[in-house]
Amino acid sequence: MNTGSPTDIAAPSRTVESRSPAETTALGERVGRAIRPGDVLLLRGDLGAGKTQLARGVAAGLGIPGPIPSPTFTLVNEYNGWNARGTMVPLAHIDLYRLGEGGGLDSVGLDDYFGGDWVVLIEWPERAVDDGFVPESYLDVAIADGGGESRTLVFTGFGDAVRLLGALDWAA
């Protein structure tokens, strides 16, 4: 199971219960409205946990119309959106599920997306973390099945991404 923080460092976090895919989307939307260029979100959880559902919400918060499919086979889907302040924010939705051990993160071009204009959402980020591709500032989102359509989402902020936890205050 892909839950818990990718590091052993204590960091601010919020736990939110979602009772439906619509609530998971709404959580993502709130984060999407607060997002800035350069933000990185790591979306972790088992198959079917709701990673792509949350990513759809983030995209909706950036004003990106659907559909927002999982990039499992393409590895990266790129979109153009705008945050609540009217700033243009390009979104890179990355899915590393198909990259196994020895999988070619260099060939995906992850470095091109970090530290600049892009907002980066990474599903199955364990390889990126293990290989040192993730910057010091990011929002880690661990999603666990709560039975039926319910999910438990643990949002943990590292570095400047701690500010994104404020978008969840309504749901705490």
N, C-alpha and C. Protein backbone atom coordinates (compact mmCIF):
# COMPACT_ATOMS: atom_id res chain seq x y z
N MET A 1 0.84 -1.18 0.00
CA MET A 1 0.00 0.00 0.00
C MET A 1 0.88 1.24 0.00
N ASN A 2 0.51 2.25 -0.76
CA ASN A 2 1.31 3.44 -0.94
C ASN A 2 0.82 4.57 -0.05
N THR A 3 0.85 4.40 1.25
CA THR A 3 0.42 5.46 2.15
C THR A 3 1.59 5.91 3.00
N GLY A 4 1.40 7.04 3.66
CA GLY A 4 2.46 7.59 4.50
C GLY A 4 3.31 8.58 3.75
N SER A 5 4.17 9.26 4.47
CA SER A 5 5.03 10.27 3.90
C SER A 5 6.25 9.65 3.25
N PRO A 6 6.71 10.20 2.11
CA PRO A 6 7.89 9.64 1.45
C PRO A 6 9.18 9.90 2.20
N THR A 7 9.14 10.73 3.24
CA THR A 7 10.34 10.96 4.04
C THR A 7 9.98 10.74 5.50
N ASP A 8 10.98 10.70 6.34
CA ASP A 8 10.75 10.51 7.77
C ASP A 8 10.69 11.85 8.52
N ILE A 9 10.65 12.95 7.81
CA ILE A 9 10.64 14.27 8.42
C ILE A 9 9.20 14.60 8.83
N ALA A 10 9.03 15.05 10.08
CA ALA A 10 7.70 15.49 10.52
C ALA A 10 7.35 16.77 9.76
N ALA A 11 6.15 16.82 9.21
CA ALA A 11 5.72 17.97 8.43
C ALA A 11 4.24 18.21 8.70
N PRO A 12 3.78 19.45 8.51
CA PRO A 12 2.37 19.75 8.70
C PRO A 12 1.51 18.92 7.75
N SER A 13 0.39 18.41 8.28
CA SER A 13 -0.50 17.63 7.42
C SER A 13 -1.94 17.84 7.82
N ARG A 14 -2.83 17.47 6.92
CA ARG A 14 -4.27 17.49 7.17
C ARG A 14 -4.83 16.17 6.65
N THR A 15 -5.71 15.57 7.44
CA THR A 15 -6.40 14.35 7.02
C THR A 15 -7.84 14.72 6.73
N VAL A 16 -8.32 14.31 5.55
CA VAL A 16 -9.67 14.62 5.12
C VAL A 16 -10.35 13.33 4.67
N GLU A 17 -11.59 13.15 5.10
CA GLU A 17 -12.39 12.01 4.66
C GLU A 17 -13.25 12.46 3.48
N SER A 18 -13.23 11.70 2.41
CA SER A 18 -14.08 11.95 1.25
C SER A 18 -15.07 10.80 1.16
N ARG A 19 -16.34 11.13 0.99
CA ARG A 19 -17.37 10.09 0.92
C ARG A 19 -17.74 9.69 -0.50
N SER A 20 -17.17 10.41 -1.49
CA SER A 20 -17.55 10.12 -2.88
C SER A 20 -16.50 10.67 -3.84
N PRO A 21 -16.53 10.19 -5.09
CA PRO A 21 -15.64 10.76 -6.09
C PRO A 21 -15.87 12.27 -6.27
N ALA A 22 -17.11 12.72 -6.15
CA ALA A 22 -17.40 14.15 -6.29
C ALA A 22 -16.71 14.95 -5.18
N GLU A 23 -16.69 14.43 -3.96
CA GLU A 23 -16.00 15.12 -2.87
C GLU A 23 -14.49 15.13 -3.10
N THR A 24 -13.95 14.04 -3.63
CA THR A 24 -12.51 13.99 -3.94
C THR A 24 -12.18 15.03 -5.01
N THR A 25 -13.04 15.13 -6.02
CA THR A 25 -12.84 16.14 -7.06
C THR A 25 -12.89 17.54 -6.46
N ALA A 26 -13.83 17.78 -5.56
CA ALA A 26 -13.96 19.10 -4.93
C ALA A 26 -12.72 19.46 -4.12
N LEU A 27 -12.13 18.49 -3.44
CA LEU A 27 -10.88 18.73 -2.70
C LEU A 27 -9.78 19.16 -3.68
N GLY A 28 -9.66 18.44 -4.78
CA GLY A 28 -8.67 18.79 -5.80
C GLY A 28 -8.90 20.17 -6.37
N GLU A 29 -10.18 20.52 -6.56
CA GLU A 29 -10.50 21.84 -7.09
C GLU A 29 -10.03 22.95 -6.17
N ARG A 30 -10.23 22.76 -4.88
CA ARG A 30 -9.80 23.77 -3.91
C ARG A 30 -8.27 23.94 -3.96
N VAL A 31 -7.56 22.83 -4.04
CA VAL A 31 -6.10 22.91 -4.15
C VAL A 31 -5.71 23.56 -5.48
N GLY A 32 -6.41 23.19 -6.56
CA GLY A 32 -6.11 23.77 -7.87
C GLY A 32 -6.26 25.28 -7.91
N ARG A 33 -7.23 25.81 -7.19
CA ARG A 33 -7.42 27.27 -7.16
C ARG A 33 -6.30 27.97 -6.39
N ALA A 34 -5.65 27.26 -5.47
CA ALA A 34 -4.59 27.85 -4.65
C ALA A 34 -3.19 27.64 -5.23
N ILE A 35 -3.10 26.86 -6.26
CA ILE A 35 -1.81 26.43 -6.80
C ILE A 35 -1.10 27.57 -7.54
N ARG A 36 0.22 27.47 -7.56
CA ARG A 36 1.06 28.45 -8.25
C ARG A 36 2.02 27.71 -9.17
N PRO A 37 2.52 28.41 -10.19
CA PRO A 37 3.57 27.79 -11.01
C PRO A 37 4.72 27.34 -10.13
N GLY A 38 5.26 26.17 -10.41
CA GLY A 38 6.36 25.61 -9.65
C GLY A 38 5.92 24.62 -8.58
N ASP A 39 4.61 24.57 -8.28
CA ASP A 39 4.12 23.62 -7.27
C ASP A 39 4.17 22.19 -7.77
N VAL A 40 4.48 21.27 -6.86
CA VAL A 40 4.56 19.84 -7.17
C VAL A 40 3.65 19.10 -6.21
N LEU A 41 2.81 18.21 -6.75
CA LEU A 41 1.93 17.37 -5.93
C LEU A 41 2.24 15.91 -6.24
N LEU A 42 2.48 15.14 -5.19
CA LEU A 42 2.72 13.71 -5.32
C LEU A 42 1.44 13.00 -4.92
N LEU A 43 0.86 12.22 -5.81
CA LEU A 43 -0.41 11.54 -5.57
C LEU A 43 -0.14 10.05 -5.44
N ARG A 44 -0.32 9.54 -4.20
CA ARG A 44 -0.01 8.15 -3.93
C ARG A 44 -1.23 7.39 -3.45
N GLY A 45 -1.30 6.13 -3.80
CA GLY A 45 -2.38 5.26 -3.36
C GLY A 45 -2.44 4.05 -4.28
N ASP A 46 -3.16 3.05 -3.84
CA ASP A 46 -3.30 1.83 -4.64
C ASP A 46 -4.08 2.10 -5.92
N LEU A 47 -4.10 1.12 -6.82
CA LEU A 47 -4.91 1.23 -8.03
C LEU A 47 -6.36 1.49 -7.62
N GLY A 48 -6.99 2.46 -8.27
CA GLY A 48 -8.38 2.78 -8.00
C GLY A 48 -8.61 3.60 -6.75
N ALA A 49 -7.57 4.09 -6.10
CA ALA A 49 -7.72 4.84 -4.86
C ALA A 49 -8.34 6.22 -5.08
N GLY A 50 -8.13 6.81 -6.24
CA GLY A 50 -8.68 8.14 -6.52
C GLY A 50 -7.64 9.18 -6.91
N LYS A 51 -6.44 8.73 -7.29
CA LYS A 51 -5.39 9.67 -7.67
C LYS A 51 -5.81 10.51 -8.88
N THR A 52 -6.30 9.86 -9.91
CA THR A 52 -6.71 10.58 -11.12
C THR A 52 -7.93 11.43 -10.83
N GLN A 53 -8.82 10.97 -9.96
CA GLN A 53 -10.00 11.75 -9.59
C GLN A 53 -9.57 13.07 -8.94
N LEU A 54 -8.60 13.00 -8.03
CA LEU A 54 -8.08 14.21 -7.40
C LEU A 54 -7.41 15.10 -8.44
N ALA A 55 -6.65 14.50 -9.37
CA ALA A 55 -5.99 15.27 -10.43
C ALA A 55 -7.02 15.99 -11.30
N ARG A 56 -8.15 15.35 -11.57
CA ARG A 56 -9.22 16.01 -12.34
C ARG A 56 -9.73 17.24 -11.60
N GLY A 57 -9.82 17.13 -10.28
CA GLY A 57 -10.24 18.28 -9.48
C GLY A 57 -9.24 19.42 -9.55
N VAL A 58 -7.96 19.10 -9.44
CA VAL A 58 -6.92 20.13 -9.54
C VAL A 58 -7.03 20.82 -10.90
N ALA A 59 -7.19 20.03 -11.96
CA ALA A 59 -7.34 20.60 -13.30
C ALA A 59 -8.58 21.50 -13.38
N ALA A 60 -9.69 21.07 -12.79
CA ALA A 60 -10.90 21.89 -12.79
C ALA A 60 -10.67 23.20 -12.04
N GLY A 61 -9.92 23.14 -10.93
CA GLY A 61 -9.58 24.34 -10.19
C GLY A 61 -8.74 25.32 -10.99
N LEU A 62 -8.04 24.81 -11.98
CA LEU A 62 -7.24 25.64 -12.89
C LEU A 62 -8.01 26.03 -14.14
N GLY A 63 -9.32 25.69 -14.17
CA GLY A 63 -10.15 26.05 -15.32
C GLY A 63 -9.90 25.21 -16.55
N ILE A 64 -9.30 24.04 -16.38
CA ILE A 64 -9.02 23.16 -17.52
C ILE A 64 -10.25 22.27 -17.74
N PRO A 65 -10.86 22.35 -18.91
CA PRO A 65 -12.03 21.52 -19.17
C PRO A 65 -11.62 20.06 -19.37
N GLY A 66 -12.51 19.15 -19.03
CA GLY A 66 -12.23 17.72 -19.21
C GLY A 66 -12.30 17.34 -20.66
N PRO A 67 -12.08 16.11 -20.95
CA PRO A 67 -11.73 15.07 -19.98
C PRO A 67 -10.26 15.14 -19.57
N ILE A 68 -9.98 14.63 -18.39
CA ILE A 68 -8.61 14.56 -17.87
C ILE A 68 -8.32 13.07 -17.65
N PRO A 69 -7.84 12.38 -18.67
CA PRO A 69 -7.58 10.94 -18.52
C PRO A 69 -6.28 10.68 -17.76
N SER A 70 -6.17 9.50 -17.22
CA SER A 70 -4.91 9.10 -16.59
C SER A 70 -3.85 8.99 -17.68
N PRO A 71 -2.65 9.51 -17.44
CA PRO A 71 -1.58 9.41 -18.45
C PRO A 71 -0.76 8.12 -18.33
N THR A 72 -1.40 7.03 -17.92
CA THR A 72 -0.68 5.77 -17.70
C THR A 72 0.11 5.34 -18.93
N PHE A 73 -0.46 5.48 -20.12
CA PHE A 73 0.22 4.99 -21.32
C PHE A 73 1.05 6.06 -22.02
N THR A 74 0.70 7.33 -21.82
CA THR A 74 1.47 8.40 -22.44
C THR A 74 2.56 8.93 -21.50
N LEU A 75 2.48 8.59 -20.22
CA LEU A 75 3.36 9.04 -19.14
C LEU A 75 3.12 10.49 -18.72
N VAL A 76 2.93 11.41 -19.68
CA VAL A 76 2.72 12.82 -19.35
C VAL A 76 1.61 13.39 -20.22
N ASN A 77 0.64 14.06 -19.60
CA ASN A 77 -0.35 14.86 -20.32
C ASN A 77 -0.13 16.31 -19.90
N GLU A 78 -0.11 17.22 -20.87
CA GLU A 78 0.11 18.63 -20.60
C GLU A 78 -1.17 19.42 -20.89
N TYR A 79 -1.44 20.41 -20.02
CA TYR A 79 -2.62 21.26 -20.14
C TYR A 79 -2.23 22.70 -19.79
N ASN A 80 -3.04 23.66 -20.26
CA ASN A 80 -2.88 25.05 -19.86
C ASN A 80 -4.08 25.46 -19.04
N GLY A 81 -3.82 26.03 -17.86
CA GLY A 81 -4.89 26.49 -16.99
C GLY A 81 -4.55 27.84 -16.39
N TRP A 82 -5.44 28.33 -15.51
CA TRP A 82 -5.25 29.61 -14.85
C TRP A 82 -5.66 29.45 -13.40
N ASN A 83 -4.85 30.00 -12.48
CA ASN A 83 -5.21 29.93 -11.07
C ASN A 83 -6.18 31.06 -10.72
N ALA A 84 -6.59 31.12 -9.46
CA ALA A 84 -7.60 32.09 -9.01
C ALA A 84 -7.15 33.53 -9.19
N ARG A 85 -5.85 33.78 -9.23
CA ARG A 85 -5.34 35.14 -9.42
C ARG A 85 -5.22 35.51 -10.89
N GLY A 86 -5.61 34.61 -11.78
CA GLY A 86 -5.55 34.88 -13.20
C GLY A 86 -4.20 34.61 -13.82
N THR A 87 -3.31 33.96 -13.08
CA THR A 87 -1.99 33.61 -13.60
C THR A 87 -2.09 32.35 -14.44
N MET A 88 -1.51 32.40 -15.66
CA MET A 88 -1.49 31.22 -16.50
C MET A 88 -0.61 30.17 -15.85
N VAL A 89 -1.13 28.96 -15.75
CA VAL A 89 -0.42 27.88 -15.08
C VAL A 89 -0.47 26.63 -15.97
N PRO A 90 0.64 26.27 -16.60
CA PRO A 90 0.65 25.01 -17.34
C PRO A 90 0.73 23.84 -16.35
N LEU A 91 -0.01 22.78 -16.64
CA LEU A 91 -0.09 21.61 -15.77
C LEU A 91 0.50 20.40 -16.49
N ALA A 92 1.43 19.72 -15.81
CA ALA A 92 1.96 18.45 -16.29
C ALA A 92 1.43 17.36 -15.38
N HIS A 93 0.61 16.47 -15.92
CA HIS A 93 0.04 15.34 -15.17
C HIS A 93 0.85 14.11 -15.59
N ILE A 94 1.63 13.60 -14.65
CA ILE A 94 2.60 12.52 -14.93
C ILE A 94 2.18 11.26 -14.18
N ASP A 95 2.26 10.13 -14.86
CA ASP A 95 1.94 8.84 -14.23
C ASP A 95 3.13 7.91 -14.45
N LEU A 96 3.78 7.53 -13.34
CA LEU A 96 4.99 6.70 -13.42
C LEU A 96 4.71 5.21 -13.19
N TYR A 97 3.45 4.82 -13.22
CA TYR A 97 3.06 3.43 -12.94
C TYR A 97 3.81 2.43 -13.83
N ARG A 98 3.91 2.74 -15.10
CA ARG A 98 4.52 1.79 -16.04
C ARG A 98 6.04 1.75 -15.98
N LEU A 99 6.66 2.68 -15.25
CA LEU A 99 8.11 2.66 -15.14
C LEU A 99 8.50 1.78 -13.96
N GLY A 100 9.02 0.63 -14.24
CA GLY A 100 9.44 -0.28 -13.18
C GLY A 100 10.86 0.02 -12.77
N GLU A 101 11.43 -0.90 -12.04
CA GLU A 101 12.83 -0.76 -11.63
C GLU A 101 13.69 -0.57 -12.87
N GLY A 102 14.60 0.38 -12.78
CA GLY A 102 15.49 0.66 -13.90
C GLY A 102 14.79 1.35 -15.03
N GLY A 103 13.57 1.86 -14.77
CA GLY A 103 12.73 2.53 -15.75
C GLY A 103 13.19 3.80 -16.30
N GLY A 104 13.66 4.50 -16.85
CA GLY A 104 14.14 5.64 -17.53
C GLY A 104 13.48 6.96 -17.19
N LEU A 105 13.65 7.37 -15.92
CA LEU A 105 13.09 8.67 -15.57
C LEU A 105 13.74 9.80 -16.36
N ASP A 106 15.03 9.62 -16.69
CA ASP A 106 15.71 10.64 -17.49
C ASP A 106 15.03 10.81 -18.84
N SER A 107 14.55 9.72 -19.42
CA SER A 107 13.92 9.79 -20.73
C SER A 107 12.55 10.44 -20.69
N VAL A 108 11.91 10.49 -19.51
CA VAL A 108 10.62 11.15 -19.38
C VAL A 108 10.78 12.66 -19.42
N GLY A 109 11.94 13.15 -19.04
CA GLY A 109 12.21 14.59 -19.04
C GLY A 109 11.62 15.30 -17.84
N LEU A 110 11.59 14.65 -16.67
CA LEU A 110 11.01 15.26 -15.48
C LEU A 110 11.66 16.59 -15.13
N ASP A 111 12.97 16.70 -15.32
CA ASP A 111 13.67 17.94 -14.99
C ASP A 111 13.07 19.15 -15.71
N ASP A 112 12.53 18.92 -16.91
CA ASP A 112 11.96 20.01 -17.69
C ASP A 112 10.74 20.64 -17.01
N TYR A 113 10.09 19.89 -16.13
CA TYR A 113 8.86 20.36 -15.50
C TYR A 113 9.06 21.00 -14.13
N PHE A 114 10.18 20.73 -13.48
CA PHE A 114 10.40 21.20 -12.12
C PHE A 114 11.06 22.57 -12.06
N GLY A 115 10.68 23.35 -11.03
CA GLY A 115 11.35 24.60 -10.72
C GLY A 115 11.07 25.75 -11.65
N GLY A 116 9.96 25.71 -12.35
CA GLY A 116 9.68 26.81 -13.27
C GLY A 116 8.21 27.13 -13.34
N ASP A 117 7.71 27.19 -14.56
CA ASP A 117 6.35 27.63 -14.81
C ASP A 117 5.30 26.55 -14.58
N TRP A 118 5.69 25.29 -14.56
CA TRP A 118 4.74 24.19 -14.51
C TRP A 118 4.23 23.89 -13.10
N VAL A 119 2.98 23.47 -13.02
CA VAL A 119 2.48 22.75 -11.86
C VAL A 119 2.61 21.29 -12.25
N VAL A 120 3.14 20.47 -11.34
CA VAL A 120 3.41 19.07 -11.66
C VAL A 120 2.62 18.17 -10.71
N LEU A 121 1.80 17.30 -11.28
CA LEU A 121 1.08 16.26 -10.53
C LEU A 121 1.71 14.93 -10.92
N ILE A 122 2.18 14.16 -9.95
CA ILE A 122 2.81 12.88 -10.25
C ILE A 122 2.05 11.76 -9.54
N GLU A 123 1.47 10.86 -10.34
CA GLU A 123 0.87 9.65 -9.80
C GLU A 123 1.96 8.58 -9.76
N TRP A 124 1.95 7.76 -8.72
CA TRP A 124 2.97 6.73 -8.51
C TRP A 124 4.35 7.38 -8.44
N PRO A 125 4.55 8.34 -7.53
CA PRO A 125 5.80 9.11 -7.51
C PRO A 125 6.98 8.43 -6.82
N GLU A 126 6.81 7.21 -6.36
CA GLU A 126 7.87 6.57 -5.59
C GLU A 126 9.20 6.54 -6.34
N ARG A 127 9.16 6.27 -7.63
CA ARG A 127 10.41 6.24 -8.41
C ARG A 127 11.05 7.62 -8.47
N ALA A 128 10.24 8.65 -8.63
CA ALA A 128 10.80 10.00 -8.72
C ALA A 128 11.45 10.40 -7.40
N VAL A 129 10.81 10.05 -6.28
CA VAL A 129 11.37 10.37 -4.98
C VAL A 129 12.66 9.59 -4.77
N ASP A 130 12.62 8.29 -5.05
CA ASP A 130 13.79 7.44 -4.85
C ASP A 130 14.98 7.88 -5.70
N ASP A 131 14.69 8.40 -6.89
CA ASP A 131 15.76 8.81 -7.79
C ASP A 131 16.13 10.28 -7.65
N GLY A 132 15.56 10.98 -6.66
CA GLY A 132 15.94 12.35 -6.38
C GLY A 132 15.39 13.39 -7.34
N PHE A 133 14.30 13.09 -8.04
CA PHE A 133 13.75 14.04 -9.00
C PHE A 133 12.80 15.06 -8.37
N VAL A 134 12.34 14.83 -7.15
CA VAL A 134 11.35 15.71 -6.54
C VAL A 134 12.06 16.83 -5.78
N PRO A 135 11.61 18.08 -5.99
CA PRO A 135 12.24 19.20 -5.28
C PRO A 135 11.91 19.18 -3.79
N GLU A 136 12.53 20.07 -3.03
CA GLU A 136 12.32 20.11 -1.58
C GLU A 136 10.92 20.57 -1.19
N SER A 137 10.27 21.34 -2.04
CA SER A 137 8.93 21.84 -1.76
C SER A 137 7.91 21.05 -2.57
N TYR A 138 6.97 20.38 -1.87
CA TYR A 138 5.92 19.62 -2.57
C TYR A 138 4.79 19.30 -1.60
N LEU A 139 3.64 18.97 -2.17
CA LEU A 139 2.50 18.51 -1.39
C LEU A 139 2.34 17.03 -1.66
N ASP A 140 2.46 16.24 -0.61
CA ASP A 140 2.30 14.79 -0.72
C ASP A 140 0.84 14.47 -0.37
N VAL A 141 0.18 13.70 -1.23
CA VAL A 141 -1.21 13.31 -0.98
C VAL A 141 -1.28 11.79 -1.00
N ALA A 142 -1.51 11.20 0.17
CA ALA A 142 -1.67 9.75 0.29
C ALA A 142 -3.16 9.46 0.37
N ILE A 143 -3.64 8.62 -0.54
CA ILE A 143 -5.07 8.30 -0.60
C ILE A 143 -5.26 6.83 -0.27
N ALA A 144 -6.13 6.56 0.70
CA ALA A 144 -6.41 5.18 1.11
C ALA A 144 -7.89 4.89 0.98
N ASP A 145 -8.21 3.69 0.53
CA ASP A 145 -9.59 3.24 0.39
C ASP A 145 -10.21 3.12 1.77
N GLY A 146 -11.37 3.75 1.94
CA GLY A 146 -12.09 3.69 3.21
C GLY A 146 -13.29 2.77 3.14
N GLY A 147 -13.43 2.02 2.06
CA GLY A 147 -14.57 1.15 1.86
C GLY A 147 -15.63 1.84 1.01
N GLY A 148 -16.19 1.12 0.06
CA GLY A 148 -17.17 1.72 -0.85
C GLY A 148 -16.54 2.86 -1.63
N GLU A 149 -17.21 4.00 -1.64
CA GLU A 149 -16.69 5.17 -2.35
C GLU A 149 -15.90 6.10 -1.44
N SER A 150 -15.81 5.79 -0.15
CA SER A 150 -15.10 6.70 0.76
C SER A 150 -13.59 6.50 0.68
N ARG A 151 -12.90 7.61 0.91
CA ARG A 151 -11.44 7.62 0.88
C ARG A 151 -10.93 8.48 2.03
N THR A 152 -9.76 8.13 2.52
CA THR A 152 -9.05 8.97 3.48
C THR A 152 -7.87 9.57 2.75
N LEU A 153 -7.79 10.90 2.75
CA LEU A 153 -6.70 11.60 2.07
C LEU A 153 -5.87 12.32 3.12
N VAL A 154 -4.57 12.06 3.11
CA VAL A 154 -3.64 12.73 4.01
C VAL A 154 -2.76 13.64 3.16
N PHE A 155 -2.92 14.94 3.36
CA PHE A 155 -2.16 15.96 2.65
C PHE A 155 -1.03 16.41 3.56
N THR A 156 0.22 16.28 3.10
CA THR A 156 1.38 16.68 3.89
C THR A 156 2.20 17.68 3.08
N GLY A 157 2.46 18.83 3.68
CA GLY A 157 3.19 19.88 2.98
C GLY A 157 4.66 19.92 3.36
N PHE A 158 5.49 20.09 2.38
CA PHE A 158 6.93 20.24 2.58
C PHE A 158 7.36 21.54 1.91
N GLY A 159 8.20 22.31 2.61
CA GLY A 159 8.68 23.58 2.07
C GLY A 159 7.52 24.55 1.86
N ASP A 160 7.58 25.34 0.81
CA ASP A 160 6.57 26.35 0.51
C ASP A 160 5.19 25.74 0.25
N ALA A 161 5.13 24.47 -0.11
CA ALA A 161 3.85 23.82 -0.42
C ALA A 161 2.96 23.68 0.81
N VAL A 162 3.49 23.94 2.01
CA VAL A 162 2.67 23.92 3.23
C VAL A 162 1.48 24.87 3.07
N ARG A 163 1.66 25.98 2.34
CA ARG A 163 0.58 26.95 2.18
C ARG A 163 -0.65 26.33 1.51
N LEU A 164 -0.47 25.27 0.73
CA LEU A 164 -1.61 24.63 0.05
C LEU A 164 -2.55 23.93 1.03
N LEU A 165 -2.06 23.63 2.23
CA LEU A 165 -2.93 23.01 3.24
C LEU A 165 -4.08 23.94 3.62
N GLY A 166 -3.88 25.24 3.51
CA GLY A 166 -4.93 26.21 3.80
C GLY A 166 -6.16 26.03 2.92
N ALA A 167 -5.98 25.52 1.72
CA ALA A 167 -7.11 25.28 0.83
C ALA A 167 -8.03 24.20 1.36
N LEU A 168 -7.55 23.41 2.33
CA LEU A 168 -8.34 22.30 2.87
C LEU A 168 -9.04 22.64 4.17
N ASP A 169 -8.85 23.84 4.68
CA ASP A 169 -9.40 24.19 5.99
C ASP A 169 -10.90 23.98 6.08
N TRP A 170 -11.62 24.17 5.02
CA TRP A 170 -13.08 23.98 5.02
C TRP A 170 -13.48 22.54 5.28
N ALA A 171 -12.57 21.59 4.95
CA ALA A 171 -12.93 20.17 5.02
C ALA A 171 -12.40 19.49 6.27
N ALA A 172 -11.62 20.19 7.07
CA ALA A 172 -10.98 19.54 8.23
C ALA A 172 -11.99 19.18 9.31
